[in-house]
N, C-alpha and C. Protein backbone atom coordinates (compact mmCIF):
# COMPACT_ATOMS: atom_id res chain seq x y z
N MET A 1 -31.09 -3.61 21.92
CA MET A 1 -31.82 -4.38 20.90
C MET A 1 -31.23 -4.07 19.56
N SER A 2 -30.93 -5.06 18.75
CA SER A 2 -30.35 -4.86 17.46
C SER A 2 -31.30 -4.22 16.48
N LYS A 3 -30.82 -3.66 15.43
CA LYS A 3 -31.61 -3.03 14.44
C LYS A 3 -32.60 -4.03 13.78
N VAL A 4 -32.03 -5.16 13.49
CA VAL A 4 -32.86 -6.24 12.90
C VAL A 4 -34.06 -6.74 13.81
N ALA A 5 -33.58 -6.95 15.06
CA ALA A 5 -34.65 -7.35 16.06
C ALA A 5 -35.71 -6.31 16.22
N LYS A 6 -35.36 -5.05 16.26
CA LYS A 6 -36.33 -3.97 16.35
C LYS A 6 -37.28 -3.98 15.23
N HIS A 7 -36.81 -4.14 14.00
CA HIS A 7 -37.70 -4.11 12.84
C HIS A 7 -38.45 -5.40 12.82
N PHE A 8 -37.97 -6.47 13.23
CA PHE A 8 -38.71 -7.73 13.31
C PHE A 8 -39.88 -7.62 14.21
N ASP A 9 -39.65 -7.04 15.37
CA ASP A 9 -40.79 -6.90 16.38
C ASP A 9 -41.79 -5.94 15.81
N ILE A 10 -41.41 -4.91 15.14
CA ILE A 10 -42.41 -3.96 14.57
C ILE A 10 -43.20 -4.67 13.55
N CYS A 11 -42.57 -5.48 12.69
CA CYS A 11 -43.34 -6.23 11.67
C CYS A 11 -44.31 -7.16 12.32
N GLN A 12 -43.94 -7.86 13.34
CA GLN A 12 -44.85 -8.77 14.04
C GLN A 12 -46.01 -8.03 14.59
N TYR A 13 -45.79 -6.88 15.22
CA TYR A 13 -46.85 -6.10 15.77
C TYR A 13 -47.77 -5.58 14.69
N VAL A 14 -47.26 -5.07 13.61
CA VAL A 14 -48.11 -4.55 12.50
C VAL A 14 -48.93 -5.68 11.92
N SER A 15 -48.33 -6.84 11.73
CA SER A 15 -49.02 -8.05 11.18
C SER A 15 -50.16 -8.44 12.09
N MET A 16 -49.98 -8.38 13.32
CA MET A 16 -50.97 -8.91 14.30
C MET A 16 -52.08 -7.88 14.58
N THR A 17 -51.78 -6.61 14.32
CA THR A 17 -52.75 -5.60 14.72
C THR A 17 -53.52 -5.01 13.52
N THR A 18 -53.22 -5.29 12.34
CA THR A 18 -53.84 -4.74 11.16
C THR A 18 -54.28 -5.89 10.23
N SER A 19 -55.10 -5.49 9.26
CA SER A 19 -55.51 -6.48 8.23
C SER A 19 -54.33 -6.87 7.44
N PRO A 20 -54.40 -8.06 6.81
CA PRO A 20 -53.25 -8.55 6.04
C PRO A 20 -52.84 -7.59 4.91
N GLU A 21 -53.77 -6.96 4.27
CA GLU A 21 -53.44 -6.02 3.16
C GLU A 21 -52.64 -4.83 3.67
N THR A 22 -53.05 -4.27 4.86
CA THR A 22 -52.40 -3.10 5.44
C THR A 22 -51.00 -3.50 5.93
N ALA A 23 -50.92 -4.66 6.60
CA ALA A 23 -49.66 -5.08 7.14
C ALA A 23 -48.57 -5.25 6.04
N ALA A 24 -48.99 -5.80 4.84
CA ALA A 24 -48.01 -6.00 3.78
C ALA A 24 -47.54 -4.60 3.31
N ASP A 25 -48.36 -3.63 3.29
CA ASP A 25 -47.89 -2.31 2.88
C ASP A 25 -46.97 -1.58 3.90
N MET A 26 -47.26 -1.87 5.15
CA MET A 26 -46.52 -1.19 6.22
C MET A 26 -45.31 -1.87 6.69
N CYS A 27 -45.22 -3.18 6.50
CA CYS A 27 -44.11 -3.97 7.14
C CYS A 27 -42.77 -3.56 6.40
N CYS A 28 -41.75 -3.84 7.13
CA CYS A 28 -40.40 -3.59 6.61
C CYS A 28 -40.02 -4.50 5.48
N ALA A 29 -38.95 -4.09 4.76
CA ALA A 29 -38.51 -4.91 3.64
C ALA A 29 -37.98 -6.23 4.06
N PRO A 30 -37.94 -7.24 3.21
CA PRO A 30 -37.36 -8.51 3.61
C PRO A 30 -35.97 -8.37 4.14
N LEU A 31 -35.57 -9.25 5.03
CA LEU A 31 -34.23 -9.15 5.61
C LEU A 31 -33.14 -9.50 4.59
N LEU A 32 -33.41 -10.47 3.74
CA LEU A 32 -32.44 -10.95 2.80
C LEU A 32 -32.97 -10.80 1.40
N ALA A 33 -32.66 -9.62 0.76
CA ALA A 33 -33.17 -9.36 -0.60
C ALA A 33 -32.49 -10.25 -1.62
N ASP A 34 -31.21 -10.40 -1.51
CA ASP A 34 -30.42 -11.11 -2.55
C ASP A 34 -29.76 -12.29 -1.95
N VAL A 35 -30.46 -13.42 -1.79
CA VAL A 35 -29.91 -14.56 -1.20
C VAL A 35 -29.23 -15.36 -2.32
N ILE A 36 -27.99 -15.91 -2.01
CA ILE A 36 -27.24 -16.66 -2.96
C ILE A 36 -27.89 -17.99 -3.26
N SER A 37 -27.59 -18.58 -4.42
CA SER A 37 -28.15 -19.86 -4.79
C SER A 37 -27.51 -20.96 -3.95
N ASP A 38 -28.04 -22.12 -4.02
CA ASP A 38 -27.51 -23.31 -3.30
C ASP A 38 -26.11 -23.65 -3.86
N ASP A 39 -25.92 -23.55 -5.19
CA ASP A 39 -24.64 -23.91 -5.70
C ASP A 39 -23.55 -22.92 -5.33
N ASP A 40 -23.90 -21.59 -5.36
CA ASP A 40 -22.98 -20.57 -4.96
C ASP A 40 -22.65 -20.76 -3.44
N ALA A 41 -23.69 -21.05 -2.62
CA ALA A 41 -23.42 -21.24 -1.21
C ALA A 41 -22.52 -22.40 -0.95
N ALA A 42 -22.66 -23.47 -1.72
CA ALA A 42 -21.75 -24.67 -1.58
C ALA A 42 -20.35 -24.26 -1.92
N ASP A 43 -20.17 -23.47 -3.02
CA ASP A 43 -18.83 -23.03 -3.42
C ASP A 43 -18.21 -22.16 -2.33
N ILE A 44 -18.90 -21.22 -1.83
CA ILE A 44 -18.42 -20.30 -0.80
C ILE A 44 -18.13 -21.08 0.50
N ALA A 45 -18.97 -22.05 0.80
CA ALA A 45 -18.69 -22.87 2.01
C ALA A 45 -17.43 -23.59 1.87
N SER A 46 -17.18 -24.12 0.76
CA SER A 46 -15.89 -24.87 0.58
C SER A 46 -14.64 -23.90 0.77
N ILE A 47 -14.82 -22.68 0.35
CA ILE A 47 -13.71 -21.69 0.65
C ILE A 47 -13.61 -21.45 2.14
N PHE A 48 -14.77 -21.25 2.78
CA PHE A 48 -14.65 -21.00 4.25
C PHE A 48 -14.07 -22.26 4.95
N LYS A 49 -14.50 -23.43 4.50
CA LYS A 49 -13.95 -24.65 5.09
C LYS A 49 -12.42 -24.73 4.96
N ALA A 50 -11.92 -24.28 3.76
CA ALA A 50 -10.51 -24.28 3.58
C ALA A 50 -9.76 -23.23 4.48
N LEU A 51 -10.49 -22.22 4.83
CA LEU A 51 -9.94 -21.20 5.73
C LEU A 51 -10.22 -21.49 7.24
N SER A 52 -10.71 -22.66 7.51
CA SER A 52 -11.10 -22.98 8.94
C SER A 52 -9.83 -23.26 9.81
N ASP A 53 -8.68 -23.22 9.27
CA ASP A 53 -7.49 -23.48 10.05
C ASP A 53 -6.71 -22.20 10.12
N PRO A 54 -6.28 -21.75 11.30
CA PRO A 54 -5.51 -20.48 11.40
C PRO A 54 -4.24 -20.41 10.54
N ILE A 55 -3.64 -21.56 10.35
CA ILE A 55 -2.35 -21.60 9.53
C ILE A 55 -2.70 -21.22 8.10
N ARG A 56 -3.84 -21.75 7.61
CA ARG A 56 -4.30 -21.45 6.22
C ARG A 56 -4.67 -19.98 6.02
N VAL A 57 -5.30 -19.43 7.05
CA VAL A 57 -5.62 -18.04 7.00
C VAL A 57 -4.34 -17.15 6.97
N ARG A 58 -3.39 -17.57 7.79
CA ARG A 58 -2.09 -16.85 7.80
C ARG A 58 -1.37 -17.07 6.45
N LEU A 59 -1.46 -18.24 5.86
CA LEU A 59 -0.82 -18.49 4.56
C LEU A 59 -1.40 -17.54 3.54
N ILE A 60 -2.71 -17.44 3.45
CA ILE A 60 -3.31 -16.48 2.52
C ILE A 60 -2.81 -15.10 2.73
N SER A 61 -2.78 -14.69 3.96
CA SER A 61 -2.32 -13.31 4.33
C SER A 61 -0.82 -13.14 3.94
N PHE A 62 0.01 -14.13 4.13
CA PHE A 62 1.40 -14.05 3.86
C PHE A 62 1.66 -14.04 2.37
N VAL A 63 0.95 -14.85 1.63
CA VAL A 63 1.13 -14.81 0.14
C VAL A 63 0.61 -13.47 -0.41
N ASN A 64 -0.48 -13.05 0.08
CA ASN A 64 -1.10 -11.82 -0.42
C ASN A 64 -0.19 -10.62 -0.13
N ALA A 65 0.54 -10.73 0.96
CA ALA A 65 1.40 -9.58 1.40
C ALA A 65 2.77 -9.66 0.79
N ALA A 66 3.08 -10.67 0.06
CA ALA A 66 4.45 -10.83 -0.51
C ALA A 66 4.69 -9.68 -1.54
N PRO A 67 5.93 -9.06 -1.53
CA PRO A 67 6.21 -7.94 -2.31
C PRO A 67 5.90 -8.18 -3.83
N ASN A 68 6.19 -9.30 -4.34
CA ASN A 68 5.93 -9.59 -5.76
C ASN A 68 4.66 -10.40 -6.00
N GLY A 69 3.87 -10.59 -4.92
CA GLY A 69 2.60 -11.30 -5.01
C GLY A 69 2.63 -12.78 -5.02
N GLU A 70 3.83 -13.32 -4.85
CA GLU A 70 3.92 -14.83 -4.83
C GLU A 70 5.06 -15.25 -3.92
N VAL A 71 4.94 -16.52 -3.49
CA VAL A 71 6.01 -17.03 -2.57
C VAL A 71 6.31 -18.49 -3.07
N CYS A 72 7.49 -18.84 -2.67
CA CYS A 72 8.03 -20.21 -3.04
C CYS A 72 7.66 -21.10 -1.80
N ALA A 73 7.23 -22.31 -2.06
CA ALA A 73 6.92 -23.28 -1.03
C ALA A 73 8.09 -23.59 -0.10
N CYS A 74 9.29 -23.33 -0.72
CA CYS A 74 10.57 -23.71 0.02
C CYS A 74 10.70 -22.78 1.23
N ASP A 75 10.19 -21.57 1.11
CA ASP A 75 10.38 -20.56 2.20
C ASP A 75 9.41 -20.76 3.38
N LEU A 76 8.31 -21.45 3.17
CA LEU A 76 7.18 -21.48 4.11
C LEU A 76 7.47 -22.25 5.45
N PRO A 77 8.14 -23.43 5.36
CA PRO A 77 8.36 -24.10 6.62
C PRO A 77 9.09 -23.32 7.69
N ALA A 78 10.10 -22.56 7.33
CA ALA A 78 10.81 -21.70 8.26
C ALA A 78 9.91 -20.60 8.76
N VAL A 79 9.18 -19.96 7.94
CA VAL A 79 8.36 -18.79 8.33
C VAL A 79 7.27 -19.32 9.30
N PHE A 80 6.65 -20.45 9.05
CA PHE A 80 5.52 -20.91 9.87
C PHE A 80 5.87 -21.90 10.91
N ASP A 81 7.18 -22.28 10.97
CA ASP A 81 7.63 -23.26 11.99
C ASP A 81 6.91 -24.55 11.86
N ARG A 82 6.71 -25.07 10.65
CA ARG A 82 6.04 -26.29 10.39
C ARG A 82 6.86 -27.07 9.43
N SER A 83 6.64 -28.37 9.31
CA SER A 83 7.38 -29.20 8.39
C SER A 83 6.93 -28.97 6.98
N GLN A 84 7.80 -29.40 6.00
CA GLN A 84 7.42 -29.22 4.60
C GLN A 84 6.18 -30.01 4.27
N PRO A 85 5.97 -31.24 4.74
CA PRO A 85 4.80 -32.03 4.41
C PRO A 85 3.51 -31.33 4.95
N THR A 86 3.61 -30.75 6.13
CA THR A 86 2.52 -29.96 6.73
C THR A 86 2.13 -28.79 5.89
N MET A 87 3.14 -28.06 5.48
CA MET A 87 2.89 -26.88 4.65
C MET A 87 2.32 -27.29 3.27
N SER A 88 2.79 -28.40 2.70
CA SER A 88 2.33 -28.85 1.42
C SER A 88 0.78 -29.25 1.60
N HIS A 89 0.53 -29.80 2.70
CA HIS A 89 -0.94 -30.23 2.98
C HIS A 89 -1.87 -28.95 2.96
N HIS A 90 -1.44 -27.95 3.72
CA HIS A 90 -2.22 -26.72 3.76
C HIS A 90 -2.29 -25.98 2.46
N LEU A 91 -1.23 -25.93 1.76
CA LEU A 91 -1.17 -25.29 0.36
C LEU A 91 -2.07 -26.07 -0.62
N SER A 92 -2.13 -27.40 -0.48
CA SER A 92 -2.96 -28.22 -1.33
C SER A 92 -4.42 -27.89 -1.06
N ILE A 93 -4.85 -27.76 0.15
CA ILE A 93 -6.23 -27.46 0.52
C ILE A 93 -6.60 -26.10 -0.05
N LEU A 94 -5.71 -25.12 0.10
CA LEU A 94 -6.03 -23.75 -0.36
C LEU A 94 -6.05 -23.72 -1.87
N THR A 95 -5.24 -24.51 -2.49
CA THR A 95 -5.24 -24.58 -3.97
C THR A 95 -6.48 -25.25 -4.48
N LYS A 96 -6.90 -26.36 -3.90
CA LYS A 96 -8.19 -27.09 -4.30
C LYS A 96 -9.36 -26.24 -4.10
N ALA A 97 -9.32 -25.39 -3.07
CA ALA A 97 -10.44 -24.46 -2.82
C ALA A 97 -10.44 -23.29 -3.79
N GLY A 98 -9.41 -23.14 -4.53
CA GLY A 98 -9.33 -22.09 -5.52
C GLY A 98 -8.86 -20.78 -4.96
N LEU A 99 -8.30 -20.75 -3.75
CA LEU A 99 -7.78 -19.53 -3.14
C LEU A 99 -6.38 -19.19 -3.64
N LEU A 100 -5.63 -20.25 -3.94
CA LEU A 100 -4.23 -20.03 -4.39
C LEU A 100 -4.08 -20.64 -5.84
N GLU A 101 -3.16 -20.07 -6.60
CA GLU A 101 -2.74 -20.64 -7.84
C GLU A 101 -1.33 -21.17 -7.62
N ARG A 102 -1.07 -22.33 -8.22
CA ARG A 102 0.22 -23.06 -8.08
C ARG A 102 0.92 -23.07 -9.39
N GLU A 103 2.19 -22.72 -9.44
CA GLU A 103 3.04 -22.81 -10.59
C GLU A 103 4.34 -23.56 -10.28
N GLN A 104 4.61 -24.56 -10.95
CA GLN A 104 5.84 -25.37 -10.78
C GLN A 104 6.99 -24.71 -11.49
N ARG A 105 8.11 -24.46 -10.76
CA ARG A 105 9.28 -23.89 -11.36
C ARG A 105 10.47 -24.75 -10.89
N GLY A 106 10.86 -25.67 -11.78
CA GLY A 106 11.92 -26.60 -11.38
C GLY A 106 11.41 -27.46 -10.25
N LYS A 107 12.23 -27.48 -9.16
CA LYS A 107 11.92 -28.39 -8.00
C LYS A 107 10.83 -27.84 -7.14
N TRP A 108 10.59 -26.46 -7.11
CA TRP A 108 9.70 -25.90 -6.20
C TRP A 108 8.44 -25.35 -6.83
N ALA A 109 7.39 -25.30 -5.98
CA ALA A 109 6.10 -24.73 -6.43
C ALA A 109 6.00 -23.29 -5.89
N TRP A 110 5.48 -22.46 -6.67
CA TRP A 110 5.28 -21.04 -6.33
C TRP A 110 3.77 -20.78 -6.23
N PHE A 111 3.39 -19.98 -5.32
CA PHE A 111 1.92 -19.76 -5.05
C PHE A 111 1.54 -18.26 -5.09
N ARG A 112 0.38 -18.00 -5.67
CA ARG A 112 -0.13 -16.65 -5.68
C ARG A 112 -1.59 -16.73 -5.28
N VAL A 113 -2.14 -15.65 -4.73
CA VAL A 113 -3.57 -15.55 -4.34
C VAL A 113 -4.35 -15.40 -5.58
N ARG A 114 -5.53 -16.05 -5.65
CA ARG A 114 -6.53 -15.80 -6.72
C ARG A 114 -7.49 -14.70 -6.29
N PRO A 115 -7.36 -13.55 -6.78
CA PRO A 115 -8.22 -12.41 -6.32
C PRO A 115 -9.67 -12.68 -6.61
N THR A 116 -10.03 -13.36 -7.61
CA THR A 116 -11.43 -13.55 -7.87
C THR A 116 -12.12 -14.33 -6.74
N GLN A 117 -11.45 -15.30 -6.20
CA GLN A 117 -12.03 -16.05 -5.08
C GLN A 117 -12.16 -15.23 -3.86
N LEU A 118 -11.16 -14.43 -3.57
CA LEU A 118 -11.27 -13.54 -2.43
C LEU A 118 -12.40 -12.49 -2.62
N ALA A 119 -12.56 -12.02 -3.87
CA ALA A 119 -13.67 -11.06 -4.12
C ALA A 119 -15.06 -11.76 -3.97
N ALA A 120 -15.16 -13.03 -4.39
CA ALA A 120 -16.39 -13.71 -4.26
C ALA A 120 -16.74 -13.86 -2.77
N MET A 121 -15.76 -14.26 -2.03
CA MET A 121 -15.92 -14.39 -0.52
C MET A 121 -16.34 -13.08 0.11
N ALA A 122 -15.67 -11.97 -0.26
CA ALA A 122 -15.98 -10.69 0.29
C ALA A 122 -17.36 -10.24 -0.10
N GLY A 123 -17.82 -10.59 -1.29
CA GLY A 123 -19.10 -10.24 -1.79
C GLY A 123 -20.20 -10.86 -0.93
N VAL A 124 -20.03 -12.04 -0.45
CA VAL A 124 -20.99 -12.71 0.43
C VAL A 124 -21.03 -12.03 1.76
N LEU A 125 -19.94 -11.61 2.24
CA LEU A 125 -19.82 -10.98 3.55
C LEU A 125 -20.23 -9.53 3.52
N ARG A 126 -20.19 -8.92 2.42
CA ARG A 126 -20.49 -7.49 2.35
C ARG A 126 -21.96 -7.23 2.66
N SER A 127 -22.17 -6.27 3.41
CA SER A 127 -23.54 -5.89 3.82
C SER A 127 -24.18 -5.08 2.70
N SER A 128 -25.48 -5.27 2.54
CA SER A 128 -26.21 -4.52 1.44
C SER A 128 -26.63 -3.14 2.02
N THR A 129 -26.45 -2.83 3.26
CA THR A 129 -26.86 -1.52 3.83
C THR A 129 -25.71 -0.59 3.83
């Protein structure tokens, strides 16, 4: 039995076997103390939607692992064995979601990870316990 399920069952038992005033004092703390707002949830959901494709997850990992923190779009088709238009599509989705920053240098675009977006996503996933 999970930790949450165990506490939920205890709370149900306490609520059903004692007066409401006593049950409120004895019951466990709320499961979700700091729930994010609807707007924040929509923003984070768009990030997760952008990461719903394995290629895009790998792209974020690849760019993040680059020695100088950025990669040229010209190098990606060979690394991922995909066409340039396919890679551009994935990069566009990640950029629109705010996960990557794009900088045009001559003919090619260079991409870097936006650490603030990764931190926001990690904050949602981080457990409060």
